[in-house]
Protein backbone atom coordinates (compact mmCIF):
# COMPACT_ATOMS: atom_id res chain seq x y z
CA MET A 1 -32.28 1.97 5.20
CA THR A 2 -31.57 0.02 2.02
CA ILE A 3 -30.41 -3.55 2.55
CA VAL A 4 -28.13 -5.49 0.21
CA GLN A 5 -28.91 -9.20 0.25
CA SER A 6 -27.29 -11.99 -1.70
CA THR A 7 -28.72 -15.48 -1.99
CA SER A 8 -27.31 -18.74 -3.28
CA PRO A 9 -28.41 -19.38 -6.90
CA GLN A 10 -28.52 -23.15 -6.40
CA GLN A 11 -30.52 -22.73 -3.18
CA PRO A 12 -32.46 -19.45 -3.53
CA GLY A 13 -33.73 -19.68 0.04
CA ASP A 14 -30.17 -19.56 1.39
CA VAL A 15 -29.35 -15.95 2.31
CA VAL A 16 -25.57 -15.67 2.17
CA VAL A 17 -25.36 -12.13 3.56
CA SER A 18 -27.64 -9.20 4.33
CA VAL A 19 -26.03 -5.83 5.09
CA PRO A 20 -26.91 -2.12 4.85
CA ALA A 21 -26.11 -0.51 1.52
CA ALA A 22 -23.58 2.30 1.42
CA GLY A 23 -25.30 5.63 0.85
CA PRO A 24 -23.75 9.00 -0.02
CA ALA A 25 -22.58 9.61 3.55
CA GLU A 26 -20.82 6.24 3.76
CA VAL A 27 -19.14 6.74 0.39
CA ALA A 28 -17.95 10.21 1.39
CA ARG A 29 -16.63 8.95 4.73
CA ALA A 30 -14.74 6.09 3.09
CA ALA A 31 -13.28 8.42 0.46
CA GLY A 32 -12.12 10.80 3.19
CA GLU A 33 -10.35 8.03 5.06
CA ALA A 34 -8.81 6.75 1.83
CA ARG A 35 -7.50 10.21 0.93
CA ALA A 36 -5.96 10.56 4.37
CA ALA A 37 -4.19 7.20 4.15
CA GLN A 38 -3.05 7.38 0.53
CA PRO A 39 -0.14 9.86 0.66
CA GLY A 40 1.71 7.89 3.31
CA TRP A 41 1.17 4.66 1.38
CA ALA A 42 2.42 6.25 -1.84
CA ALA A 43 5.51 7.58 -0.06
CA SER A 44 6.34 4.23 1.53
CA PRO A 45 9.31 2.28 0.13
CA PRO A 46 8.53 -0.25 -2.60
CA ALA A 47 9.58 -3.04 -0.26
CA THR A 48 6.85 -2.00 2.19
CA ARG A 49 4.17 -2.19 -0.47
CA ALA A 50 5.56 -5.48 -1.78
CA ALA A 51 5.54 -7.02 1.70
CA ALA A 52 1.93 -5.92 2.26
CA LEU A 53 0.72 -7.45 -0.99
CA ASP A 54 2.70 -10.63 -0.32
CA ALA A 55 1.13 -10.87 3.13
CA ALA A 56 -2.33 -10.39 1.62
CA ALA A 57 -1.59 -13.18 -0.87
CA ALA A 58 -0.58 -15.48 1.99
CA ALA A 59 -3.80 -14.66 3.84
CA LEU A 60 -5.87 -15.64 0.80
CA ALA A 61 -3.84 -18.80 0.30
CA ASP A 62 -4.37 -19.81 3.93
CA ALA A 63 -8.12 -19.30 3.51
CA ALA A 64 -8.32 -21.04 0.11
CA ASP A 65 -10.77 -23.76 1.12
CA GLU A 66 -13.07 -21.32 2.89
CA LEU A 67 -13.00 -18.88 -0.05
CA THR A 68 -13.67 -21.66 -2.56
CA ALA A 69 -16.73 -22.72 -0.57
CA LEU A 70 -17.96 -19.12 -0.35
CA VAL A 71 -17.63 -18.56 -4.11
CA ILE A 72 -19.56 -21.79 -4.74
CA ARG A 73 -22.28 -20.81 -2.31
CA GLU A 74 -22.73 -17.18 -3.27
CA VAL A 75 -22.42 -17.18 -7.09
CA GLY A 76 -22.83 -20.88 -7.97
CA LYS A 77 -19.41 -21.28 -9.57
CA PRO A 78 -18.47 -24.97 -10.02
CA ARG A 79 -15.90 -26.21 -7.53
CA ALA A 80 -12.99 -26.62 -9.94
CA GLU A 81 -13.42 -23.09 -11.30
CA ALA A 82 -13.97 -21.61 -7.84
CA ALA A 83 -10.74 -23.15 -6.54
CA GLY A 84 -8.95 -21.93 -9.66
CA GLU A 85 -10.21 -18.41 -9.07
CA VAL A 86 -8.86 -18.39 -5.53
CA ALA A 87 -5.45 -19.60 -6.74
CA ARG A 88 -5.47 -16.98 -9.47
CA SER A 89 -6.25 -14.21 -6.97
CA VAL A 90 -3.26 -15.28 -4.87
CA ALA A 91 -1.02 -15.30 -7.96
CA ILE A 92 -2.17 -11.82 -9.01
CA LEU A 93 -1.31 -10.37 -5.60
CA ARG A 94 2.13 -11.98 -5.71
CA TYR A 95 2.70 -10.72 -9.26
CA TYR A 96 1.93 -7.12 -8.34
CA ALA A 97 3.97 -7.41 -5.16
CA GLN A 98 6.94 -7.64 -7.51
CA GLN A 99 5.64 -5.00 -9.93
CA VAL A 100 6.19 -2.32 -7.26
CA TYR A 101 9.78 -2.46 -8.54
CA HIS A 102 8.74 -1.79 -12.15
CA PRO A 103 10.55 1.26 -13.64
CA LEU A 104 8.75 4.50 -12.90
CA GLY A 105 9.80 6.20 -16.14
CA ALA A 106 12.73 6.82 -18.46
CA VAL A 107 15.65 9.22 -18.74
CA HIS A 108 16.02 11.34 -21.92
CA ALA A 109 18.53 13.77 -23.29
CA SER A 110 17.80 17.39 -22.46
CA SER A 111 16.90 19.60 -25.41
CA ALA A 112 19.05 22.33 -23.80
CA GLY A 113 22.12 20.13 -23.80
CA ALA A 114 23.40 20.10 -20.24
CA GLY A 115 20.85 18.99 -17.70
CA LEU A 116 18.44 16.13 -17.33
CA THR A 117 14.96 15.27 -18.58
CA TYR A 118 13.07 12.27 -17.30
CA THR A 119 9.55 10.89 -16.97
CA ARG A 120 8.00 9.68 -13.75
CA ARG A 121 4.76 7.91 -12.87
CA ARG A 122 2.76 8.86 -9.81
CA PRO A 123 -0.46 7.37 -8.37
CA HIS A 124 -3.72 9.18 -9.09
CA GLY A 125 -4.93 9.04 -5.48
CA VAL A 126 -8.16 7.13 -4.80
CA ALA A 127 -9.14 4.38 -7.24
CA GLY A 128 -12.84 3.62 -7.58
CA LEU A 129 -13.45 0.02 -8.61
CA ILE A 130 -16.85 -1.34 -9.67
CA THR A 131 -16.83 -5.09 -10.10
CA PRO A 132 -19.25 -7.84 -11.25
CA TRP A 133 -20.40 -10.97 -9.45
CA ASN A 134 -19.12 -13.64 -11.87
CA PHE A 135 -15.47 -13.41 -10.72
CA PRO A 136 -16.12 -12.21 -7.17
CA LEU A 137 -12.48 -12.49 -6.05
CA ALA A 138 -10.30 -12.35 -9.17
CA ILE A 139 -11.72 -9.19 -10.75
CA PRO A 140 -11.61 -7.12 -7.54
CA ILE A 141 -8.05 -8.35 -7.01
CA TRP A 142 -6.88 -7.74 -10.57
CA LYS A 143 -8.08 -4.16 -10.23
CA ALA A 144 -7.10 -3.49 -6.61
CA ALA A 145 -3.65 -5.14 -6.66
CA PRO A 146 -2.09 -2.90 -9.34
CA ALA A 147 -3.86 0.17 -7.94
CA LEU A 148 -2.36 -0.52 -4.52
CA ALA A 149 1.04 -1.48 -5.92
CA CYS A 150 1.23 1.94 -7.58
CA GLY A 151 0.42 3.76 -4.35
CA ASN A 152 -3.30 4.41 -4.67
CA ALA A 153 -6.04 3.91 -2.11
CA VAL A 154 -9.07 1.81 -3.15
CA LEU A 155 -12.85 2.09 -2.92
CA LEU A 156 -14.40 -1.19 -4.07
CA LYS A 157 -18.10 -1.35 -4.99
CA PRO A 158 -18.95 -5.02 -5.67
CA ALA A 159 -22.05 -6.33 -7.40
CA PRO A 160 -24.83 -6.99 -4.86
CA GLN A 161 -24.84 -10.72 -5.77
CA SER A 162 -21.21 -11.08 -4.59
CA THR A 163 -21.32 -8.92 -1.47
CA ALA A 164 -20.20 -11.67 0.91
CA CYS A 165 -17.13 -12.49 -1.19
CA ALA A 166 -16.10 -8.83 -1.30
CA LEU A 167 -16.55 -8.36 2.44
CA ARG A 168 -14.52 -11.48 3.21
CA LEU A 169 -11.83 -10.31 0.79
CA HIS A 170 -11.63 -7.05 2.72
CA GLU A 171 -11.33 -8.92 6.02
CA LEU A 172 -8.36 -10.87 4.69
CA VAL A 173 -6.52 -8.10 2.82
CA ALA A 174 -7.15 -4.89 4.80
CA PRO A 175 -5.20 -5.93 7.96
CA HIS A 176 -2.02 -5.93 5.87
CA LEU A 177 -2.55 -2.37 4.64
CA PRO A 178 -2.61 1.01 6.41
CA ASP A 179 -5.90 1.80 8.12
CA GLY A 180 -8.40 3.37 5.76
CA LEU A 181 -6.57 2.52 2.56
CA LEU A 182 -9.04 -0.13 1.32
CA HIS A 183 -12.82 0.09 1.62
CA VAL A 184 -15.66 -2.13 0.41
CA LEU A 185 -18.92 -0.30 -0.23
CA PRO A 186 -21.87 -2.69 -0.64
CA GLY A 187 -24.78 -1.44 -2.66
CA ASP A 188 -26.32 -1.04 -6.07
CA ALA A 189 -26.50 1.88 -8.50
CA GLU A 190 -26.47 4.62 -5.85
CA ALA A 191 -23.24 3.38 -4.28
CA GLY A 192 -21.70 2.94 -7.72
CA ARG A 193 -22.56 6.50 -8.74
CA GLY A 194 -21.11 7.77 -5.49
CA VAL A 195 -17.80 6.03 -6.16
CA VAL A 196 -17.62 7.30 -9.74
CA ASP A 197 -18.37 10.84 -8.57
CA ILE A 198 -15.60 10.94 -5.97
CA ALA A 199 -12.71 8.74 -7.18
CA ASP A 200 -9.57 10.01 -8.95
CA VAL A 201 -9.44 7.03 -11.34
CA VAL A 202 -12.26 4.60 -12.16
CA SER A 203 -12.26 0.99 -13.37
CA PHE A 204 -15.52 -0.80 -14.19
CA THR A 205 -16.47 -4.29 -15.34
CA GLY A 206 -20.09 -5.07 -16.18
CA SER A 207 -22.77 -4.48 -18.79
CA ARG A 208 -22.47 -2.15 -21.76
CA SER A 209 -25.49 -0.08 -20.71
CA VAL A 210 -24.08 0.65 -17.26
CA GLY A 211 -20.48 0.92 -18.40
CA SER A 212 -21.24 3.56 -21.01
CA GLY A 213 -22.81 5.71 -18.29
CA VAL A 214 -19.78 5.21 -16.05
CA ALA A 215 -17.46 6.25 -18.89
CA VAL A 216 -19.45 9.42 -19.53
CA ALA A 217 -19.69 10.39 -15.85
CA ALA A 218 -15.98 9.86 -15.17
CA SER A 219 -14.90 11.56 -18.40
CA GLN A 220 -17.00 14.60 -17.60
CA ARG A 221 -15.08 14.90 -14.33
CA GLY A 222 -11.80 14.57 -16.22
CA VAL A 223 -10.63 11.45 -14.39
CA PRO A 224 -9.11 8.41 -16.15
CA VAL A 225 -11.64 5.62 -16.70
CA GLN A 226 -11.62 2.13 -18.16
CA CYS A 227 -14.72 0.01 -18.74
CA GLU A 228 -14.85 -3.65 -19.74
CA MET A 229 -18.35 -4.26 -21.02
CA GLY A 230 -18.67 -7.81 -22.25
CA GLY A 231 -18.55 -9.62 -25.53
CA GLN A 232 -20.41 -11.59 -28.17
CA ASN A 233 -17.45 -13.84 -28.78
CA PRO A 234 -17.07 -15.98 -31.92
CA ALA A 235 -15.30 -19.29 -32.35
CA VAL A 236 -14.43 -19.73 -36.04
CA VAL A 237 -14.11 -23.37 -37.13
CA LEU A 238 -12.29 -23.64 -40.45
CA ARG A 239 -12.77 -26.55 -42.84
CA ASP A 240 -9.48 -28.24 -41.85
CA ALA A 241 -10.06 -28.10 -38.08
CA ASP A 242 -10.06 -31.17 -35.85
CA LEU A 243 -13.82 -31.11 -35.29
CA ALA A 244 -13.95 -33.38 -32.25
CA ALA A 245 -11.25 -31.42 -30.42
CA ALA A 246 -12.78 -28.08 -31.42
CA ALA A 247 -16.26 -29.17 -30.36
CA ALA A 248 -15.07 -30.26 -26.90
CA GLN A 249 -13.16 -27.02 -26.29
CA ILE A 250 -15.95 -24.78 -27.53
CA ALA A 251 -18.59 -26.61 -25.48
CA SER A 252 -16.62 -25.92 -22.32
CA ALA A 253 -16.04 -22.30 -23.35
CA ALA A 254 -19.74 -21.77 -24.10
CA PHE A 255 -21.27 -23.59 -21.14
CA GLY A 256 -18.71 -23.78 -18.33
CA PHE A 257 -20.00 -21.82 -15.29
CA ALA A 258 -23.30 -21.67 -17.21
CA GLY A 259 -21.80 -19.38 -19.84
CA GLN A 260 -21.48 -16.51 -17.34
CA LYS A 261 -18.16 -15.11 -18.47
CA CYS A 262 -17.53 -12.08 -20.64
CA THR A 263 -15.16 -14.31 -22.64
CA ALA A 264 -17.63 -17.18 -23.12
CA THR A 265 -18.24 -18.36 -26.69
CA LYS A 266 -21.61 -17.09 -27.91
CA ARG A 267 -21.37 -17.70 -31.68
CA ILE A 268 -19.79 -20.61 -33.53
CA VAL A 269 -19.03 -19.78 -37.16
CA VAL A 270 -18.40 -22.99 -39.12
CA VAL A 271 -16.95 -23.10 -42.64
CA ASP A 272 -18.48 -25.80 -44.91
CA ARG A 273 -18.81 -28.58 -42.32
CA ALA A 274 -21.65 -27.21 -40.18
CA ALA A 275 -23.70 -30.42 -40.02
CA GLU A 276 -20.70 -32.53 -39.05
CA PHE A 277 -19.51 -30.00 -36.48
CA THR A 278 -23.00 -29.60 -35.01
CA SER A 279 -23.27 -33.33 -34.37
CA ALA A 280 -19.89 -33.36 -32.60
CA PHE A 281 -20.74 -30.21 -30.64
CA LEU A 282 -24.05 -31.54 -29.35
CA ASP A 283 -22.32 -34.73 -28.24
CA ALA A 284 -19.69 -32.70 -26.38
CA ALA A 285 -22.28 -30.43 -24.76
CA ARG A 286 -24.35 -33.38 -23.53
CA LYS A 287 -21.29 -34.76 -21.73
CA LEU A 288 -20.95 -31.66 -19.55
CA ALA A 289 -22.23 -32.39 -16.06
CA VAL A 290 -25.04 -30.07 -14.96
CA GLY A 291 -25.86 -29.81 -11.27
CA ASP A 292 -24.77 -28.77 -7.80
CA PRO A 293 -21.68 -26.56 -8.16
CA ALA A 294 -20.28 -28.03 -4.95
CA ASP A 295 -19.96 -31.39 -6.75
CA ALA A 296 -16.43 -31.77 -8.12
CA ALA A 297 -17.78 -33.25 -11.38
CA THR A 298 -20.10 -30.32 -12.18
CA VAL A 299 -19.21 -28.10 -15.13
CA VAL A 300 -22.53 -26.25 -15.60
CA GLY A 301 -24.07 -24.86 -12.44
CA PRO A 302 -26.98 -22.43 -12.07
CA VAL A 303 -27.29 -18.96 -13.53
CA ILE A 304 -27.10 -16.21 -10.95
CA ASP A 305 -30.80 -15.51 -10.40
CA GLN A 306 -34.31 -15.91 -11.78
CA PRO A 307 -34.16 -12.88 -14.12
CA ALA A 308 -31.00 -14.37 -15.65
CA ARG A 309 -32.75 -17.69 -16.21
CA ASP A 310 -35.78 -15.95 -17.68
CA ARG A 311 -33.56 -14.06 -20.16
CA VAL A 312 -31.97 -17.26 -21.47
CA VAL A 313 -35.31 -19.04 -21.81
CA ALA A 314 -36.83 -16.00 -23.54
CA ALA A 315 -33.87 -15.78 -25.94
CA ALA A 316 -34.38 -19.41 -26.99
CA ALA A 317 -38.10 -18.85 -27.52
CA ASP A 318 -37.44 -15.73 -29.58
CA ALA A 319 -34.99 -17.67 -31.72
CA VAL A 320 -37.69 -20.20 -32.58
CA ALA A 321 -40.17 -17.43 -33.33
CA ALA A 322 -37.66 -15.96 -35.79
CA GLY A 323 -37.31 -19.26 -37.66
CA GLY A 324 -34.36 -20.76 -35.81
CA ARG A 325 -34.12 -24.17 -34.18
CA VAL A 326 -33.31 -25.07 -30.59
CA LEU A 327 -31.21 -28.21 -30.97
CA MET A 328 -30.90 -28.86 -27.24
CA GLY A 329 -31.42 -27.17 -23.90
CA GLY A 330 -33.94 -24.89 -22.23
CA ALA A 331 -35.15 -24.40 -18.68
CA ASP A 332 -33.93 -27.13 -16.33
CA GLU A 333 -36.70 -28.14 -13.94
CA GLU A 334 -34.74 -31.04 -12.48
CA HIS A 335 -32.81 -28.88 -10.05
CA ALA A 336 -34.25 -26.59 -7.39
CA GLY A 337 -32.22 -23.47 -8.17
CA TRP A 338 -31.86 -21.20 -11.20
CA PHE A 339 -30.68 -23.81 -13.70
CA VAL A 340 -30.73 -23.70 -17.50
CA ALA A 341 -29.51 -26.64 -19.56
CA PRO A 342 -26.84 -25.90 -22.20
CA THR A 343 -28.81 -24.48 -25.10
CA VAL A 344 -27.78 -24.62 -28.76
CA VAL A 345 -29.55 -22.74 -31.56
CA ASP A 346 -29.05 -22.69 -35.32
CA GLY A 347 -30.83 -21.39 -38.41
CA LEU A 348 -31.10 -17.80 -37.19
CA PRO A 349 -31.52 -14.98 -39.69
CA ASP A 350 -28.69 -12.46 -40.02
CA GLY A 351 -28.96 -9.66 -37.47
CA HIS A 352 -31.01 -11.64 -34.97
CA ASP A 353 -30.49 -10.42 -31.39
CA LEU A 354 -29.01 -13.73 -30.30
CA LEU A 355 -26.25 -13.23 -32.89
CA CYS A 356 -25.67 -9.59 -31.97
CA GLU A 357 -26.30 -9.08 -28.25
CA GLU A 358 -24.76 -10.83 -25.28
CA VAL A 359 -27.07 -13.17 -23.36
CA PHE A 360 -25.26 -13.92 -20.11
CA GLY A 361 -26.02 -17.62 -19.76
CA PRO A 362 -25.53 -21.09 -21.27
CA ILE A 363 -26.78 -20.39 -24.80
CA CYS A 364 -24.93 -20.12 -28.10
CA ALA A 365 -25.72 -20.10 -31.81
CA ILE A 366 -24.17 -21.99 -34.72
CA VAL A 367 -23.72 -20.07 -37.98
CA ALA A 368 -22.91 -21.89 -41.24
CA VAL A 369 -20.79 -20.09 -43.86
CA ASP A 370 -19.11 -21.10 -47.12
CA SER A 371 -15.68 -19.46 -46.95
CA ASP A 372 -13.00 -18.13 -44.62
CA ALA A 373 -13.72 -14.59 -45.80
CA GLU A 374 -17.40 -15.00 -44.98
CA ALA A 375 -16.45 -16.38 -41.57
CA VAL A 376 -14.38 -13.30 -40.80
CA ARG A 377 -17.23 -11.02 -41.87
CA ALA A 378 -19.69 -12.93 -39.67
CA ALA A 379 -17.32 -12.87 -36.70
CA ASN A 380 -16.80 -9.10 -37.01
CA SER A 381 -20.46 -8.29 -37.68
CA VAL A 382 -21.33 -7.25 -34.11
CA ARG A 383 -20.47 -4.18 -32.05
CA TYR A 384 -18.43 -6.17 -29.57
CA GLY A 385 -14.83 -7.33 -29.94
CA LEU A 386 -13.54 -8.85 -26.73
CA THR A 387 -12.16 -12.24 -27.72
CA ALA A 388 -12.26 -14.60 -30.70
CA ALA A 389 -10.98 -18.12 -31.38
CA VAL A 390 -9.95 -19.83 -34.61
CA TYR A 391 -9.74 -23.59 -35.04
CA THR A 392 -7.54 -24.86 -37.86
CA SER A 393 -4.61 -27.18 -38.58
CA ASP A 394 -3.10 -24.85 -41.19
CA LEU A 395 -0.65 -22.14 -40.14
CA ALA A 396 -1.33 -19.94 -43.15
CA SER A 397 -5.09 -20.02 -42.47
CA ALA A 398 -4.52 -19.26 -38.81
CA LEU A 399 -2.41 -16.20 -39.65
CA GLN A 400 -4.76 -14.94 -42.35
CA VAL A 401 -7.98 -15.31 -40.38
CA THR A 402 -6.64 -13.92 -37.11
CA GLU A 403 -5.27 -10.94 -39.05
CA GLY A 404 -8.81 -10.21 -40.20
CA LEU A 405 -10.54 -10.60 -36.83
CA SER A 406 -11.23 -7.54 -34.69
CA ALA A 407 -10.95 -8.50 -31.03
CA GLY A 408 -8.70 -7.68 -28.12
CA GLN A 409 -7.84 -11.34 -27.47
CA LEU A 410 -7.20 -13.72 -30.37
CA LYS A 411 -6.81 -17.45 -29.80
CA VAL A 412 -5.81 -20.23 -32.22
CA ASN A 413 -6.90 -23.76 -31.28
CA ALA A 414 -7.64 -22.44 -27.80
CA PRO A 415 -10.95 -21.41 -26.21
CA THR A 416 -12.27 -17.85 -26.10
CA THR A 417 -12.27 -18.17 -22.31
CA GLY A 418 -9.14 -17.89 -20.21
CA VAL A 419 -7.04 -14.80 -19.51
CA ASP A 420 -3.37 -14.53 -18.54
CA PHE A 421 -3.21 -12.04 -15.66
CA TYR A 422 0.29 -10.86 -16.63
CA LEU A 423 -0.80 -9.76 -20.13
CA PRO A 424 -3.03 -6.86 -21.23
CA PHE A 425 -6.75 -7.60 -21.28
CA GLY A 426 -9.47 -5.63 -23.06
CA GLY A 427 -11.48 -5.49 -26.25
CA GLU A 428 -12.45 -3.45 -29.26
CA ARG A 429 -15.53 -1.37 -30.04
CA ASP A 430 -18.28 -1.67 -27.42
CA SER A 431 -16.41 -4.31 -25.42
CA SER A 432 -14.04 -1.83 -23.82
CA TYR A 433 -13.43 1.82 -23.17
CA GLY A 434 -10.12 3.25 -22.01
CA GLY A 435 -6.84 1.52 -21.27
CA ARG A 436 -6.18 -2.18 -20.93
CA GLU A 437 -6.31 -4.07 -17.65
CA GLN A 438 -3.81 -6.51 -16.12
CA GLY A 439 -0.09 -6.95 -16.63
CA THR A 440 2.07 -3.85 -16.77
CA ALA A 441 -0.69 -2.08 -18.72
CA ALA A 442 -2.54 -1.76 -15.40
CA LEU A 443 0.44 0.06 -13.88
CA GLU A 444 0.14 2.68 -16.60
CA PHE A 445 -3.60 3.09 -16.03
CA TYR A 446 -3.34 3.57 -12.27
CA THR A 447 -0.61 6.21 -12.57
CA SER A 448 -0.17 9.61 -14.18
CA LEU A 449 2.92 10.26 -16.32
CA HIS A 450 4.90 13.43 -15.61
CA THR A 451 7.86 14.91 -17.48
CA VAL A 452 10.56 16.53 -15.36
CA THR A 453 13.24 18.85 -16.83
CA MET A 454 16.23 19.76 -14.70
CA ALA A 455 18.49 22.46 -16.09
CA LEU A 456 21.84 23.52 -14.61
CA PRO A 457 21.78 26.78 -12.62
CA GLY A 458 22.49 29.82 -14.78
CA ARG A 459 21.93 27.97 -18.04
CA GLY A 460 19.07 28.97 -20.28
C-alpha cells in the first residue's frame, strides 16, 4: 500500500498527515459514486445548489482560525496570507452560490420564421480537479465551486504536500452536498492519471511538464481540459516610475510566501535606472521578515521541501557560473526548516535559464535595458505569459507598454501577484491551455453549450 505523507516545511519532523494513496480501484469507486449523485444534483433547483454552497461557505468561515493554522503548518504560508486565503475561499463559495442564477443561454430568432431557437448550458458530469499545494484551499475551491454550481460532481486530487488541507476541506464542505458528490483522492501521479482518465471535464494547476501531459491525455479522450502551468513573470520599471514604491511592491511580489506563487515576480526589467532601482530593491527586500510562518510579522517563510530549497540554491550557483552576480540571499541556515533567504541576481547573459524558466522559490533577476521597446522585448522573450506588471507615472507609457506585453494578466503600478476571483484568470503561451478560470468564464468551462430549435407542428 502506498502512503501519502505531508510534513511541515518549517519543522520537517512534524508529520501533518499520513494516509493511504488512492489507487485505480479507489478512483473508480469514487467516480461511480459521483456519477450516481450528479444527475439529481444537476436537476435540483438553483436555490438548492445556492443554499448548499452558502452553507459550505459558512462552515469554512466558522473554522477560519483552525484552517489558517493548518495552512501555516502544512505548507508554511505566512499567517497573514494564510488567513487571507481562508477568507478568499469563503468569498468564492458565496460568489458561486449566486452564480447558480446566471443565465443558462440566450434566445434567438428562428431561421424558419415561426418557432423558437435558444441555447442552453448543461453540466459535463464529473469534474476532475488536480490542484497544487501552494494555495491548498483557494485553488481547490475556485475549481470546485463553479463546477458544483453548474451541477457537476467533483473528484479532487490534491498535491501530496497539501493532503491534510484537502481532507479537512472535504470534511467541512461535503456534509452540505448530496452523498457521493464530492470526493478527495490523495495520491501522486497514479491518482492524478486515474482522475484524468475517468472525468468528463478536467482542470489542472501545476508545472508545465505535468500539465502538458494532462492536456494531451484529456484531449485524446475528447473531454474539455484547462491547464494553468505557471509563469516567468516580469515587472517592467520605466524611467519615470516611483522607484521606492515600485521596489517595495516588487519585493513583496517576488519574495512573499517565499516566491511560491505562479504569479510571483521572477524578472525585473528596468529602463535606464537599473543601479538606482537595484539599491532601492535590495533595501526593500532586506526589510521583509524571514522566519516562522506562524509569526504575524513574517513575510518570507520556508520553501515547501528540501528539493525546492536545493533548486533555488543551485539556480543561484549556476547564475554565478554563467557570469552573473548574487547581490543578496542564498541558503538560510539560521532556521531549522527549508528556508532560503530572498535572493537577487543580476548580470545574467540573455537566454540564461534563470531568465527563461520558472524557479519556484524566493529568487529573481534584474535585467537592465535602454528603452521601453527593449523592455517589452525582454518581457516577452520567454515561453510563459501569465502576468506582467508595469511601473510608470505616465499614462501614455502605461498604455503603450501594456499594449505590447503578452500576458493574461496585465497590471499597472500594481504587483504581478494578486488575482480577483470574479474575473477571468489564465495566461498566454505555455502558461495556460484551454479556457480561463474564475468568474463567469468558469461557468462556461464547466458546462457544455447546446442549441435547441423548436418549430411549430406542421411547419417545415
